[in-house]
Amino acid sequence: MSGLALRTLVLALACLLGASGRAEERAPESLAGFPKDSIKLESASGGTHAITVWIAESPAHREQGLMFVRSLAPDTGMLFIFPATQYVSMWMKNTYVALDMLFVDRTGLIVNIAENARPLTLDTINSAAPVLAVLELPAGTVKRFGLRPGDRLHGPAFEL
């Protein structure tokens, strides 16, 4: 097969796959057993942003997290909910997607943010204070929404 014919075939396959739905719009298979919910991020700059999240509330789901996920659609993420407010350390082992991490207290207040966490590292990323949850979003989301510590997350686990 000539180079031109091969490129034409690859392009045709890419168009066919694109017509059936882009890969990042489908839920990664490894997250099929995770519950899903919607949350809202409210920034002091006045914006409110809806996010669809997979919930990692069980020990097994928290351990797996976003490991082995190759892409995340904009406005999606994972919400890790812990059984009690505590200091939390996260890492990016086997995580292929760069992430923004928001550390959230029991009232939904964003305590601290770690932007653009490097994939595939064992470096720890820590909460600055005891938190109830960590929200992981595709890297760049914090900048796109203009989020800062002190902004608020509204969702199923938070007392208002």
Protein backbone atom coordinates (compact mmCIF):
# COMPACT_ATOMS: atom_id res chain seq x y z
CA MET A 1 0.00 0.00 0.00
CA SER A 2 1.42 3.38 -0.94
CA GLY A 3 2.05 6.09 1.67
CA LEU A 4 -0.75 8.22 0.23
CA ALA A 5 -3.23 5.32 0.30
CA LEU A 6 -2.27 4.50 3.89
CA ARG A 7 -2.70 8.13 4.98
CA THR A 8 -6.09 8.26 3.24
CA LEU A 9 -7.17 5.08 5.04
CA VAL A 10 -6.02 6.42 8.42
CA LEU A 11 -7.82 9.72 7.80
CA ALA A 12 -11.01 7.90 6.80
CA LEU A 13 -10.87 5.77 9.96
CA ALA A 14 -10.28 8.85 12.11
CA CYS A 15 -13.31 10.56 10.56
CA LEU A 16 -15.43 7.45 11.09
CA LEU A 17 -14.39 7.21 14.75
CA GLY A 18 -15.01 10.94 15.19
CA ALA A 19 -18.54 10.60 13.84
CA SER A 20 -19.36 7.96 16.46
CA GLY A 21 -18.27 10.20 19.35
CA ARG A 22 -14.91 11.50 20.39
CA ALA A 23 -13.00 9.28 22.83
CA GLU A 24 -12.79 11.95 25.53
CA GLU A 25 -16.59 12.35 25.50
CA ARG A 26 -17.14 8.73 26.51
CA ALA A 27 -16.62 7.58 30.07
CA PRO A 28 -13.31 5.77 30.48
CA GLU A 29 -14.02 2.06 30.89
CA SER A 30 -12.05 1.88 34.13
CA LEU A 31 -14.60 4.25 35.74
CA ALA A 32 -17.71 2.27 34.79
CA GLY A 33 -18.35 1.13 38.40
CA PHE A 34 -18.02 4.61 39.93
CA PRO A 35 -21.16 6.54 40.87
CA LYS A 36 -21.61 9.84 39.01
CA ASP A 37 -23.11 13.13 40.12
CA SER A 38 -23.14 16.81 39.27
CA ILE A 39 -21.52 19.51 41.35
CA LYS A 40 -21.16 23.26 41.01
CA LEU A 41 -18.05 25.36 41.45
CA GLU A 42 -18.72 28.94 42.50
CA SER A 43 -15.87 31.41 42.08
CA ALA A 44 -15.52 34.75 43.85
CA SER A 45 -15.23 36.32 40.39
CA GLY A 46 -18.92 35.55 39.99
CA GLY A 47 -18.90 32.47 37.81
CA THR A 48 -20.74 29.24 38.53
CA HIS A 49 -19.61 26.14 36.67
CA ALA A 50 -21.35 22.76 36.44
CA ILE A 51 -19.06 19.73 36.58
CA THR A 52 -19.92 16.06 36.11
CA VAL A 53 -17.90 13.94 38.52
CA TRP A 54 -17.21 10.33 39.23
CA ILE A 55 -17.41 9.83 43.01
CA ALA A 56 -14.57 7.99 44.75
CA GLU A 57 -16.04 7.38 48.20
CA SER A 58 -15.15 3.76 48.94
CA PRO A 59 -11.59 2.78 49.85
CA ALA A 60 -11.26 0.80 46.59
CA HIS A 61 -12.48 3.70 44.45
CA ARG A 62 -10.24 6.19 46.28
CA GLU A 63 -7.27 3.88 45.72
CA GLN A 64 -8.01 3.54 41.98
CA GLY A 65 -8.96 7.15 41.32
CA LEU A 66 -8.10 8.26 37.80
CA MET A 67 -5.29 5.74 37.37
CA PHE A 68 -4.98 4.45 33.80
CA VAL A 69 -7.48 7.01 32.44
CA ARG A 70 -6.01 8.43 29.22
CA SER A 71 -8.24 11.49 28.75
CA LEU A 72 -10.86 13.58 30.52
CA ALA A 73 -13.46 15.74 28.83
CA PRO A 74 -13.70 19.39 29.86
CA ASP A 75 -16.08 19.94 32.78
CA THR A 76 -15.60 16.41 34.13
CA GLY A 77 -13.54 15.16 37.02
CA MET A 78 -13.33 12.93 40.05
CA LEU A 79 -14.47 13.84 43.54
CA PHE A 80 -12.66 11.93 46.29
CA ILE A 81 -14.73 11.96 49.49
CA PHE A 82 -13.08 10.82 52.71
CA PRO A 83 -14.89 9.34 55.74
CA ALA A 84 -13.76 12.23 57.98
CA THR A 85 -12.04 15.58 57.69
CA GLN A 86 -8.28 14.96 57.58
CA TYR A 87 -4.99 16.04 56.05
CA VAL A 88 -4.77 14.40 52.63
CA SER A 89 -1.86 13.52 50.34
CA MET A 90 -2.48 12.63 46.70
CA TRP A 91 -0.14 11.34 43.98
CA MET A 92 -0.19 10.74 40.25
CA LYS A 93 0.97 7.11 40.11
CA ASN A 94 -0.33 5.49 36.90
CA THR A 95 -2.30 8.66 36.11
CA TYR A 96 -1.75 9.69 32.50
CA VAL A 97 -3.68 12.97 32.55
CA ALA A 98 -2.28 16.20 34.03
CA LEU A 99 -4.70 17.39 36.72
CA ASP A 100 -5.71 20.37 38.79
CA MET A 101 -6.50 19.32 42.38
CA LEU A 102 -8.84 21.28 44.64
CA PHE A 103 -8.69 20.44 48.36
CA VAL A 104 -12.11 21.07 49.90
CA ASP A 105 -13.27 21.28 53.53
CA ARG A 106 -16.55 19.88 54.91
CA THR A 107 -18.45 23.08 54.05
CA GLY A 108 -17.34 23.05 50.40
CA LEU A 109 -14.73 25.78 50.85
CA ILE A 110 -11.67 25.31 48.62
CA VAL A 111 -8.74 25.31 51.06
CA ASN A 112 -5.89 25.04 48.55
CA ILE A 113 -5.28 24.22 44.90
CA ALA A 114 -2.51 22.31 43.13
CA GLU A 115 -2.46 23.15 39.43
CA ASN A 116 -1.12 21.01 36.61
CA ALA A 117 -0.02 18.00 38.65
CA ARG A 118 2.53 16.07 36.64
CA PRO A 119 1.36 12.66 35.38
CA LEU A 120 3.04 9.39 36.38
CA THR A 121 4.90 10.63 39.47
CA LEU A 122 5.00 9.50 43.07
CA ASP A 123 5.45 13.09 44.27
CA THR A 124 2.91 13.85 46.98
CA ILE A 125 0.49 16.74 46.68
CA ASN A 126 -0.82 17.77 50.09
CA SER A 127 -3.77 19.60 51.54
CA ALA A 128 -2.86 22.76 53.45
CA ALA A 129 -5.43 21.94 56.16
CA PRO A 130 -7.80 19.11 57.04
CA VAL A 131 -10.24 18.47 54.17
CA LEU A 132 -13.20 16.23 53.46
CA ALA A 133 -12.69 15.96 49.70
CA VAL A 134 -10.38 16.45 46.75
CA LEU A 135 -11.72 17.39 43.34
CA GLU A 136 -9.51 16.42 40.40
CA LEU A 137 -10.12 18.22 37.11
CA PRO A 138 -8.28 18.30 33.77
CA ALA A 139 -5.24 20.59 34.03
CA GLY A 140 -6.06 24.15 33.04
CA THR A 141 -9.59 24.09 34.47
CA VAL A 142 -8.60 26.21 37.48
CA LYS A 143 -7.24 28.94 35.20
CA ARG A 144 -10.17 28.66 32.78
CA PHE A 145 -12.69 29.16 35.61
CA GLY A 146 -10.56 31.65 37.57
CA LEU A 147 -10.74 29.52 40.74
CA ARG A 148 -8.91 30.45 43.95
CA PRO A 149 -8.75 29.20 47.53
CA GLY A 150 -11.86 30.53 49.28
CA ASP A 151 -14.12 29.68 46.33
CA ARG A 152 -16.81 27.11 46.93
CA LEU A 153 -17.88 23.67 45.74
CA HIS A 154 -21.57 22.74 46.05
CA GLY A 155 -22.29 19.03 46.01
CA PRO A 156 -23.67 16.00 47.79
CA ALA A 157 -21.05 15.71 50.55
CA PHE A 158 -20.84 19.27 51.85
CA GLU A 159 -22.57 20.98 54.79
CA LEU A 160 -23.68 24.51 54.09
